[in-house]
Each structure stands twice: as C-alpha cells, then as structure tokens.
Amino acid sequence: MNLTEMAQRAKRAFYELSESPLSVRNQALIRMAESLIQDQDMIFSANLADLAQAREEGLAAPLLQRLRFDQAKLQQVTSGLHALAGLPDPIGKTVFCHEITEGLKLYRVTCPIGVIGVIFESRPDALVQIASLALKSGNAALLKGGREALRTNQALISSIRKALSASSLPLDAAQLMETREDVAAMLKEDTLIDLIIPRGSNAFVRYIMDNSRIPVLGHADGVCHVYVDRDADLETAWKVALDSKIQNLSVCNAEETLLVHAEIADAFLPRFAELLQANGVEIRGDEEVQKMIPCLPATESDWSTEYLDAILSIRIVSSLQEAVTHINHYGSHHTDCIVTENRSAASTFMTRVDSAGVYLNVSTRFADGYVYGLGAEVGIATGKLHSRGPMGLDGLTTYKYKLIGHGQTMAEMKRGERVYTHQVLDEKCPL
C-alpha cells in the first residue's frame, strides 16, 4: 500500500472516530492493554531481534536502553492505557457559550485535529502512547518509528489493530509507516494530513518544516539545564542535579548542562564531582570549573549538545541573569530548573527563562505527560503554538464554532429588528 492510500484510509478512519462514543474509545484502550499482554511473547521476541541487530551495528548503550521493550515497559504502557481510559473526553467540550442576539447562541466546542503524522525515535513504547492518545482524542495516526525498532513496532501495531477490530473501530485509525520513502511521501499529502509531529533534533524538525506545506508541531531535542543559585541548599542541589542527570541518561528531559553560581561553586562542585564520577559521568567544564575539579575542557558546542549519555557540561556563572541568558541562548526551550531558597530569584528565573517547563528545586525528569496526569504524551512541544510542554489529549484537539438559532438573519440585525446582546452563558452545546 502506498502512502497516499494510507492517508486516504486514515482520513476515512478519522471521520468515523470523530463521532464515536467515549465508551467505545475507552473500551478500545482497555482492549489494547489486553491485546498487548496476550501478544507479549511475539512483541518481546521482535524486540530481542531488534536489540541484537542494534548491538551488531554498534548502537550506543543509552540508545539500546531506549530501544528495549521488556516486561517493565509493557507494564508501564498497559498501566498508561488504563489511566488514559479513565480521563474525561477531550472532544465535545463546550469552551464557552455566547448569545449573540436573542435566541442565537454560539458555542466553541473542542474537536479532533484529523489525520496526524508522527515521526518518533527508537522508543517502541512511544508508539503505544501516541496511538492511544490519538484514539482517545478522535484522531487517526500515521506512525513512523526509528528503523532500529521496526520489528518491535510491527508487532505492536499488529496487536493494537487487533484491539481496534475487536472494538468495532476502524483499523486504519493507527497505521505504521516503515521507510524513509513513506515519510518523504507523507510530507506532500497536504490535502489528507492535517498535522505532522516530528520528534528529534532541531535539524530534523527544521528539515520537516522546510519540506512540507502541512503544519508542523516540532518536538526538538532536550538541552535541559539545572542552575544552582548562590542561595541554594546544598543537599537539595546535589540531590536534584544528580537525579536530573543520572536517573535516565537517554531521555529528552535529562539534564545536559549544569550552571553554578560563582559564590557557591567552591562548596557545591567538589562533592558533586565525586557523585558524578561514582556514577560514571564524564564532566566537561569551563575554565573556572577546570580549576576546581578534575574534568575535560568544555567547548562551545557542548553548551548546545543533547548528549543522551553519561556526559555533563558544567559552567560557572556570576549572576542569575547570566544563567538565564545562557539558558535562553543555548537551550532548546524544553525544561530548566533553578535550585534556590530565594523566592525572588526563583520568580525571576521562572518568568524570564523561555522554556516549556520551568522548575524550582525539583528534577527535570518530572517533565513527562504521564507524570503530569495527562495519561501519556505524544512528546514535549518546545515551540509555543499550538501546544507547549508534554503534549497530551488537549494538545491533540482543536475547536470549532457551532452557531444554533431559529431563523435569525443578518438583514434583521442591519435593520435594527434584532440587537446584539453579547451575553455570556454557562451552557453546554446541545449538539
């Protein structure tokens, strides 16, 4: 099947999904969880084959960890499916009701976006999260994972489509693209595909934007920072900065650069360097850092690099403003944290840092749709339109205006036979 036919089928599936009852969509999510458990041997076998090939090709250890789909990942995604089924319906919500003139009521109502093409990295669990979020929000999804995970993704999509069939929902609500040629063809289908969500490097997202007329919602790399302010509590700073780096090296919300205020560096850095070294983390520091702790010299490129590995770049700054300027210049507008006991400094940081997530005294690893209570996430949107941060159900919806009257005409308004009331009502749309 070529990409155009896939997109046509996805569009038909979207129209059917958009009017499906919430109970049917929720039932499909539960059946997805059951189907994945039933098919776990097939899925695990496919994943082992992917892992074996990836090792032969020299894939880095952190990326191998992202690729792994084992019992723990299965438990995680099935729990997420049950949690997602328990969330309110994101579509059909009345955002506001406005009476324009007597008896003429305007409703703004949430609705699905349509057909969404999502390109994501070699994390098979992402396929389940994205497909399930699309289903719950009434969207059809065309999915393209990394080639390293092709066998696993094929097994997962087979299990998901089996659940869709058992729920009397269209199979083509979730389809897997398998080649780069499919992606190239997708970029041209601007009459059938409503949105593309690429997850990857800034360069990759820019390539997608430059080569398609379809709206693109970029999920770029995660160059996340922890800034240790001069008024930080040292125990809190060691704890937060360490967890942000080592809890999971290969995720987009891991800390890649640590900024330390000069007035606290002598007290903070030696002990923190010991903690990093004990966990096998390579340190790259600026000139001032090199004078305080053993480390490699940091280069200009380190400040904008997403390592996804056991590497941390460290820079000493002379002020809060210098930290903010560094983050806004080198960061990816993903998630950045300040560690401080000074509420004024915290307020300044959280206002001026131009990122989707700004944290106080807490690990950057909390930047996650499931953690936020969104059920799951399509990814972390680092832009500002139309969604920002962990993109859950609401991020996969738009809205339409429904105007309901009983024969009112604009001619009557112009003649003064009817007058504008512009009354805001607390009323749900009846249709």
Protein backbone atom coordinates (compact mmCIF):
# COMPACT_ATOMS: atom_id res chain seq x y z
CA MET A 1 0.00 0.00 0.00
CA ASN A 2 1.43 3.38 -0.92
CA LEU A 3 1.40 6.41 1.37
CA THR A 4 -1.41 8.19 -0.45
CA GLU A 5 -3.70 5.21 0.05
CA MET A 6 -2.67 5.01 3.71
CA ALA A 7 -3.52 8.69 4.16
CA GLN A 8 -6.87 8.26 2.40
CA ARG A 9 -7.75 5.38 4.70
CA ALA A 10 -6.63 7.40 7.70
CA LYS A 11 -8.91 10.28 6.67
CA ARG A 12 -11.91 7.94 6.44
CA ALA A 13 -10.97 6.46 9.82
CA PHE A 14 -10.80 9.95 11.32
CA TYR A 15 -14.34 10.79 10.22
CA GLU A 16 -15.59 7.61 11.85
CA LEU A 17 -13.56 8.12 15.01
CA SER A 18 -14.61 11.73 15.42
CA GLU A 19 -18.21 10.71 16.08
CA SER A 20 -17.51 7.54 18.07
CA PRO A 21 -18.84 7.48 21.65
CA LEU A 22 -16.39 7.92 24.50
CA SER A 23 -17.38 4.50 25.85
CA VAL A 24 -16.29 2.81 22.61
CA ARG A 25 -12.95 4.63 22.55
CA ASN A 26 -12.31 3.78 26.19
CA GLN A 27 -13.23 0.15 25.57
CA ALA A 28 -10.71 0.08 22.73
CA LEU A 29 -7.97 1.38 25.05
CA ILE A 30 -8.68 -1.38 27.58
CA ARG A 31 -8.65 -3.94 24.80
CA MET A 32 -5.34 -2.55 23.59
CA ALA A 33 -3.86 -3.26 27.02
CA GLU A 34 -5.30 -6.78 27.00
CA SER A 35 -4.08 -7.43 23.45
CA LEU A 36 -0.54 -6.29 24.25
CA ILE A 37 -0.42 -8.64 27.22
CA GLN A 38 -1.75 -11.52 25.14
CA ASP A 39 0.82 -10.82 22.41
CA GLN A 40 3.75 -10.15 24.73
CA ASP A 41 5.80 -13.17 23.62
CA MET A 42 5.58 -12.04 19.99
CA ILE A 43 6.45 -8.47 20.96
CA PHE A 44 9.39 -9.45 23.19
CA SER A 45 10.77 -11.76 20.50
CA ALA A 46 10.62 -9.00 17.91
CA ASN A 47 12.32 -6.61 20.33
CA LEU A 48 15.14 -9.07 21.07
CA ALA A 49 15.79 -9.30 17.33
CA ASP A 50 15.89 -5.50 17.08
CA LEU A 51 18.26 -5.29 20.04
CA ALA A 52 20.57 -7.93 18.58
CA GLN A 53 20.81 -6.10 15.28
CA ALA A 54 21.34 -2.77 17.02
CA ARG A 55 24.23 -4.22 19.04
CA GLU A 56 25.82 -5.58 15.87
CA GLU A 57 25.57 -2.11 14.33
CA GLY A 58 27.22 -0.52 17.38
CA LEU A 59 24.28 1.42 18.79
CA ALA A 60 25.31 3.27 21.96
CA ALA A 61 24.27 1.80 25.30
CA PRO A 62 21.82 4.61 26.24
CA LEU A 63 20.10 4.23 22.86
CA LEU A 64 19.90 0.48 23.36
CA GLN A 65 18.10 1.19 26.62
CA ARG A 66 15.57 3.35 24.78
CA LEU A 67 15.04 0.55 22.28
CA ARG A 68 14.36 -2.13 24.90
CA PHE A 69 10.73 -3.21 25.29
CA ASP A 70 10.56 -5.68 28.18
CA GLN A 71 8.16 -6.67 30.93
CA ALA A 72 8.70 -3.39 32.75
CA LYS A 73 7.92 -1.35 29.62
CA LEU A 74 4.85 -3.50 28.95
CA GLN A 75 3.61 -2.87 32.47
CA GLN A 76 4.23 0.84 32.02
CA VAL A 77 2.32 1.17 28.74
CA THR A 78 -0.62 -1.01 29.83
CA SER A 79 -0.95 0.99 33.06
CA GLY A 80 -0.90 4.12 30.92
CA LEU A 81 -3.69 2.76 28.72
CA HIS A 82 -5.89 2.12 31.75
CA ALA A 83 -5.12 5.59 33.12
CA LEU A 84 -5.94 7.14 29.75
CA ALA A 85 -9.26 5.34 29.62
CA GLY A 86 -10.15 6.93 32.95
CA LEU A 87 -9.62 10.50 31.76
CA PRO A 88 -12.51 12.75 30.65
CA ASP A 89 -13.41 13.01 26.97
CA PRO A 90 -11.20 15.69 25.37
CA ILE A 91 -13.60 16.22 22.47
CA GLY A 92 -17.10 17.69 22.56
CA LYS A 93 -16.28 20.01 25.48
CA THR A 94 -18.02 23.39 25.42
CA VAL A 95 -15.33 26.00 25.99
CA PHE A 96 -17.80 28.89 26.08
CA CYS A 97 -21.34 29.84 25.11
CA HIS A 98 -22.17 33.30 23.84
CA GLU A 99 -25.66 34.57 22.98
CA ILE A 100 -25.17 36.92 20.02
CA THR A 101 -28.76 38.10 19.87
CA GLU A 102 -31.90 36.78 21.50
CA GLY A 103 -32.12 33.03 20.81
CA LEU A 104 -28.95 32.88 18.67
CA LYS A 105 -26.27 31.00 20.59
CA LEU A 106 -22.65 30.49 19.64
CA TYR A 107 -20.70 27.60 21.16
CA ARG A 108 -16.98 26.91 20.93
CA VAL A 109 -16.58 23.13 21.12
CA THR A 110 -13.42 21.01 21.16
CA CYS A 111 -12.91 18.54 18.31
CA PRO A 112 -10.13 16.31 16.91
CA ILE A 113 -7.48 17.72 14.58
CA GLY A 114 -7.81 14.94 11.98
CA VAL A 115 -5.02 12.85 10.48
CA ILE A 116 -1.73 13.26 12.31
CA GLY A 117 1.65 12.02 11.08
CA VAL A 118 4.08 11.38 13.93
CA ILE A 119 7.77 10.61 13.42
CA PHE A 120 9.49 9.45 16.59
CA GLU A 121 12.76 7.97 17.79
CA SER A 122 13.62 4.33 18.54
CA ARG A 123 11.40 4.03 21.63
CA PRO A 124 8.74 1.39 20.91
CA ASP A 125 6.71 2.42 23.96
CA ALA A 126 6.24 5.79 22.26
CA LEU A 127 4.22 4.07 19.53
CA VAL A 128 1.69 2.80 22.07
CA GLN A 129 1.46 6.18 23.80
CA ILE A 130 0.96 8.11 20.57
CA ALA A 131 -1.55 5.67 19.06
CA SER A 132 -3.60 5.60 22.26
CA LEU A 133 -3.65 9.38 22.68
CA ALA A 134 -4.72 9.79 19.06
CA LEU A 135 -7.51 7.25 19.51
CA LYS A 136 -8.85 8.79 22.72
CA SER A 137 -8.88 12.26 21.11
CA GLY A 138 -10.60 11.02 17.93
CA ASN A 139 -7.62 11.39 15.60
CA ALA A 140 -6.16 8.94 13.09
CA ALA A 141 -2.39 8.44 13.30
CA LEU A 142 0.27 7.61 10.73
CA LEU A 143 3.28 6.46 12.76
CA LYS A 144 6.97 6.23 11.85
CA GLY A 145 9.46 4.98 14.42
CA GLY A 146 13.21 4.60 14.16
CA ARG A 147 14.41 1.84 11.85
CA GLU A 148 16.16 0.20 14.84
CA ALA A 149 12.72 -0.65 16.28
CA LEU A 150 10.98 -1.78 13.09
CA ARG A 151 10.27 -5.37 14.16
CA THR A 152 9.02 -4.27 17.58
CA ASN A 153 6.83 -1.57 16.09
CA GLN A 154 5.37 -4.02 13.58
CA ALA A 155 4.45 -6.37 16.43
CA LEU A 156 2.97 -3.56 18.49
CA ILE A 157 0.86 -2.12 15.66
CA SER A 158 -0.43 -5.61 14.85
CA SER A 159 -1.59 -6.04 18.44
CA ILE A 160 -3.14 -2.55 18.55
CA ARG A 161 -5.05 -3.07 15.30
CA LYS A 162 -6.39 -6.36 16.64
CA ALA A 163 -7.84 -4.43 19.59
CA LEU A 164 -9.35 -1.83 17.26
CA SER A 165 -11.05 -4.58 15.26
CA ALA A 166 -12.49 -6.14 18.42
CA SER A 167 -13.86 -2.72 19.40
CA SER A 168 -15.57 -2.10 16.03
CA LEU A 169 -13.36 0.92 15.39
CA PRO A 170 -11.58 1.46 12.06
CA LEU A 171 -8.32 -0.46 11.71
CA ASP A 172 -6.81 2.43 9.81
CA ALA A 173 -7.01 4.70 12.84
CA ALA A 174 -3.44 3.52 13.52
CA GLN A 175 -1.04 2.71 10.67
CA LEU A 176 2.71 2.16 10.59
CA MET A 177 4.99 3.78 8.04
CA GLU A 178 8.12 1.67 7.57
CA THR A 179 10.50 3.53 5.26
CA ARG A 180 12.07 6.93 4.72
CA GLU A 181 10.29 6.98 1.38
CA ASP A 182 6.99 6.83 3.26
CA VAL A 183 8.00 9.91 5.26
CA ALA A 184 9.04 11.79 2.14
CA ALA A 185 5.69 10.94 0.52
CA MET A 186 3.78 11.94 3.67
CA LEU A 187 5.22 15.45 3.52
CA LYS A 188 3.42 16.00 0.20
CA GLU A 189 -0.05 14.89 1.34
CA ASP A 190 -1.23 18.31 2.50
CA THR A 191 -4.85 17.66 1.43
CA LEU A 192 -5.13 14.48 3.51
CA ILE A 193 -2.86 15.00 6.51
CA ASP A 194 -3.67 17.78 8.97
CA LEU A 195 -0.61 17.91 11.21
CA ILE A 196 2.90 16.46 11.38
CA ILE A 197 4.65 15.99 14.72
CA PRO A 198 8.37 15.22 14.32
CA ARG A 199 10.35 14.19 17.41
CA GLY A 200 14.09 14.54 17.09
CA SER A 201 16.92 17.02 16.67
CA ASN A 202 16.42 20.67 15.79
CA ALA A 203 17.93 19.95 12.38
CA PHE A 204 15.48 17.14 11.73
CA VAL A 205 12.47 19.23 12.78
CA ARG A 206 13.69 22.08 10.57
CA TYR A 207 14.05 19.69 7.63
CA ILE A 208 10.43 18.59 8.03
CA MET A 209 9.25 22.21 8.25
CA ASP A 210 11.21 23.20 5.16
CA ASN A 211 9.90 20.34 3.05
CA SER A 212 6.16 20.30 3.68
CA ARG A 213 3.14 22.58 3.41
CA ILE A 214 1.47 20.60 6.22
CA PRO A 215 1.50 22.38 9.61
CA VAL A 216 4.37 21.06 11.77
CA LEU A 217 4.40 20.92 15.57
CA GLY A 218 8.07 20.41 16.41
CA HIS A 219 9.32 18.34 19.33
CA ALA A 220 13.01 19.19 19.21
CA ASP A 221 15.89 17.91 21.31
CA GLY A 222 16.10 18.40 25.05
CA VAL A 223 19.03 20.55 26.14
CA CYS A 224 17.88 20.84 29.76
CA HIS A 225 19.64 22.83 32.48
CA VAL A 226 19.88 22.87 36.24
CA TYR A 227 21.04 26.19 37.70
CA VAL A 228 22.40 26.10 41.26
CA ASP A 229 21.83 29.58 42.64
CA ARG A 230 24.01 31.20 45.30
CA ASP A 231 21.13 30.79 47.78
CA ALA A 232 20.67 27.07 47.09
CA ASP A 233 20.51 24.47 49.84
CA LEU A 234 23.48 22.23 49.09
CA GLU A 235 21.78 18.93 49.94
CA THR A 236 18.83 19.82 47.72
CA ALA A 237 21.15 20.93 44.92
CA TRP A 238 23.22 17.72 44.97
CA LYS A 239 20.07 15.62 45.02
CA VAL A 240 18.20 17.47 42.25
CA ALA A 241 21.18 17.93 39.93
CA LEU A 242 22.23 14.28 40.26
CA ASP A 243 18.75 12.85 39.63
CA SER A 244 18.27 15.16 36.66
CA LYS A 245 21.40 13.67 35.08
CA ILE A 246 21.61 10.01 36.02
CA GLN A 247 18.05 8.76 36.68
CA ASN A 248 17.74 8.02 32.95
CA LEU A 249 20.51 9.18 30.65
CA SER A 250 18.76 8.61 27.34
CA VAL A 251 15.65 10.77 27.65
CA CYS A 252 14.90 14.28 26.45
CA ASN A 253 14.25 15.61 29.97
CA ALA A 254 17.67 14.62 31.31
CA GLU A 255 19.99 17.44 32.41
CA GLU A 256 22.74 18.16 29.87
CA THR A 257 24.26 21.36 31.30
CA LEU A 258 24.74 22.42 34.92
CA LEU A 259 25.16 26.10 35.75
CA VAL A 260 26.59 27.03 39.15
CA HIS A 261 26.73 30.48 40.73
CA ALA A 262 30.33 31.51 41.44
CA GLU A 263 29.59 32.25 45.11
CA ILE A 264 28.53 28.66 45.84
CA ALA A 265 30.78 26.78 43.42
CA ASP A 266 33.57 26.02 45.96
CA ALA A 267 31.07 24.46 48.34
CA PHE A 268 28.99 22.65 45.71
CA LEU A 269 31.29 21.35 42.98
CA PRO A 270 33.87 19.09 44.71
CA ARG A 271 31.23 16.88 46.34
CA PHE A 272 29.06 16.90 43.21
CA ALA A 273 32.02 15.87 41.06
CA GLU A 274 32.52 12.86 43.36
CA LEU A 275 28.86 11.91 42.93
CA LEU A 276 29.08 12.19 39.16
CA GLN A 277 32.29 10.17 38.97
CA ALA A 278 30.81 7.47 41.21
CA ASN A 279 28.01 7.13 38.63
CA GLY A 280 30.34 7.05 35.65
CA VAL A 281 29.51 10.52 34.34
CA GLU A 282 32.13 12.35 32.29
CA ILE A 283 32.46 16.03 33.25
CA ARG A 284 33.24 18.81 30.77
CA GLY A 285 33.83 22.19 32.37
CA ASP A 286 34.69 25.76 31.51
CA GLU A 287 37.99 27.28 32.63
CA GLU A 288 36.78 28.10 36.13
CA VAL A 289 35.35 24.62 36.63
CA GLN A 290 38.64 23.08 35.48
CA LYS A 291 40.42 24.92 38.31
CA MET A 292 38.11 23.37 40.92
CA ILE A 293 37.53 19.75 39.87
CA PRO A 294 39.08 17.18 37.53
CA CYS A 295 37.31 17.41 34.17
CA LEU A 296 37.72 17.73 30.43
CA PRO A 297 37.55 21.20 28.86
CA ALA A 298 34.12 22.16 27.54
CA THR A 299 33.90 23.55 24.02
CA GLU A 300 31.36 25.99 22.60
CA SER A 301 29.39 23.13 21.05
CA ASP A 302 28.97 21.41 24.43
CA TRP A 303 26.60 24.12 25.62
CA SER A 304 24.04 23.25 22.93
CA THR A 305 24.53 19.47 22.81
CA GLU A 306 21.96 16.89 23.85
CA TYR A 307 24.27 14.08 24.93
CA LEU A 308 21.72 11.40 25.88
CA ASP A 309 24.72 9.83 27.55
CA ALA A 310 26.83 9.86 30.72
CA ILE A 311 28.27 13.31 29.98
CA LEU A 312 27.55 16.61 31.73
CA SER A 313 28.84 20.05 30.82
CA ILE A 314 29.31 22.49 33.71
CA ARG A 315 29.70 26.26 33.62
CA ILE A 316 30.18 28.78 36.42
CA VAL A 317 28.13 31.97 36.12
CA SER A 318 28.48 35.23 38.01
CA SER A 319 24.78 36.02 38.35
CA LEU A 320 21.23 34.79 37.97
CA GLN A 321 20.87 36.91 34.85
CA GLU A 322 23.92 35.26 33.28
CA ALA A 323 22.34 31.86 33.93
CA VAL A 324 19.07 32.96 32.34
CA THR A 325 20.87 34.41 29.32
CA HIS A 326 22.86 31.18 28.87
CA ILE A 327 19.74 29.02 29.02
CA ASN A 328 17.73 31.16 26.62
CA HIS A 329 20.65 31.24 24.16
CA TYR A 330 21.90 27.64 24.25
CA GLY A 331 18.89 25.70 25.48
CA SER A 332 16.11 24.06 23.48
CA HIS A 333 13.22 25.61 25.46
CA HIS A 334 12.35 22.22 26.94
CA THR A 335 12.75 22.06 30.74
CA ASP A 336 15.04 24.05 33.03
CA CYS A 337 15.37 24.15 36.82
CA ILE A 338 16.64 26.58 39.44
CA VAL A 339 17.76 25.33 42.86
CA THR A 340 17.42 28.13 45.39
CA GLU A 341 15.86 29.12 48.68
CA ASN A 342 15.45 32.70 47.44
CA ARG A 343 11.86 33.17 46.26
CA SER A 344 12.68 36.38 44.42
CA ALA A 345 15.43 34.62 42.44
CA ALA A 346 13.07 31.73 41.74
CA SER A 347 10.38 34.09 40.48
CA THR A 348 12.83 35.90 38.20
CA PHE A 349 14.16 32.63 36.78
CA MET A 350 10.72 31.12 36.20
CA THR A 351 9.49 34.29 34.49
CA ARG A 352 12.49 35.02 32.31
CA VAL A 353 13.51 31.53 31.19
CA ASP A 354 11.69 30.97 27.92
CA SER A 355 11.04 27.22 28.21
CA ALA A 356 8.01 24.96 28.16
CA GLY A 357 8.78 23.84 31.72
CA VAL A 358 10.48 25.90 34.44
CA TYR A 359 11.08 24.16 37.77
CA LEU A 360 12.05 25.13 41.30
CA ASN A 361 14.03 22.67 43.43
CA VAL A 362 12.93 19.60 41.50
CA SER A 363 14.47 17.23 38.97
CA THR A 364 13.97 17.92 35.27
CA ARG A 365 12.97 14.25 34.94
CA PHE A 366 9.45 15.22 36.03
CA ALA A 367 8.80 16.68 32.55
CA ASP A 368 6.56 13.87 31.36
CA GLY A 369 2.95 13.62 30.25
CA TYR A 370 2.16 10.62 32.46
CA VAL A 371 3.72 12.33 35.49
CA TYR A 372 1.68 15.48 34.72
CA GLY A 373 -1.52 13.41 34.80
CA LEU A 374 -2.11 13.67 31.06
CA GLY A 375 -2.31 9.88 30.66
CA ALA A 376 0.66 9.85 28.28
CA GLU A 377 2.27 12.20 25.80
CA VAL A 378 2.92 12.50 22.10
CA GLY A 379 6.12 14.30 23.06
CA ILE A 380 7.38 17.53 24.58
CA ALA A 381 6.49 20.51 22.40
CA THR A 382 9.31 23.05 22.57
CA GLY A 383 7.56 25.66 20.44
CA LYS A 384 4.66 27.86 21.53
CA LEU A 385 1.85 27.05 19.08
CA HIS A 386 -0.50 25.34 19.43
CA SER A 387 0.67 23.15 22.30
CA ARG A 388 3.60 23.51 24.71
CA GLY A 389 5.36 21.08 27.03
CA PRO A 390 4.11 17.50 27.43
CA MET A 391 1.51 17.15 24.69
CA GLY A 392 -1.39 15.06 25.93
CA LEU A 393 -5.02 14.82 24.93
CA ASP A 394 -5.76 18.55 24.88
CA GLY A 395 -2.81 19.12 22.58
CA LEU A 396 -4.40 16.77 20.03
CA THR A 397 -7.61 18.76 19.85
CA THR A 398 -8.68 21.99 18.22
CA TYR A 399 -12.14 23.58 18.28
CA LYS A 400 -14.99 24.55 16.04
CA TYR A 401 -17.78 27.12 16.43
CA LYS A 402 -21.35 25.86 16.47
CA LEU A 403 -23.98 28.56 15.90
CA ILE A 404 -27.53 27.50 16.72
CA GLY A 405 -30.54 29.68 16.02
CA HIS A 406 -34.12 29.67 14.75
CA GLY A 407 -34.24 31.70 11.56
CA GLN A 408 -32.31 34.84 12.55
CA THR A 409 -30.88 36.76 9.59
CA MET A 410 -28.18 39.36 9.22
CA ALA A 411 -30.67 41.60 7.38
CA GLU A 412 -32.76 41.75 10.57
CA MET A 413 -29.66 42.80 12.51
CA LYS A 414 -28.81 45.50 9.99
CA ARG A 415 -32.37 46.88 10.04
CA GLY A 416 -32.31 47.03 13.84
CA GLU A 417 -35.11 44.49 14.20
CA ARG A 418 -32.71 42.45 16.32
CA VAL A 419 -29.99 43.79 18.62
CA TYR A 420 -26.68 42.35 19.75
CA THR A 421 -26.90 41.08 23.33
CA HIS A 422 -23.38 39.58 23.61
CA GLN A 423 -24.37 37.69 26.72
CA VAL A 424 -22.03 35.02 28.08
CA LEU A 425 -23.93 31.94 29.19
CA ASP A 426 -22.87 28.93 31.27
CA GLU A 427 -24.42 26.42 28.92
CA LYS A 428 -23.27 23.23 27.23
CA CYS A 429 -23.72 22.85 23.48
CA PRO A 430 -26.70 20.57 22.87
CA LEU A 431 -25.33 19.18 19.56
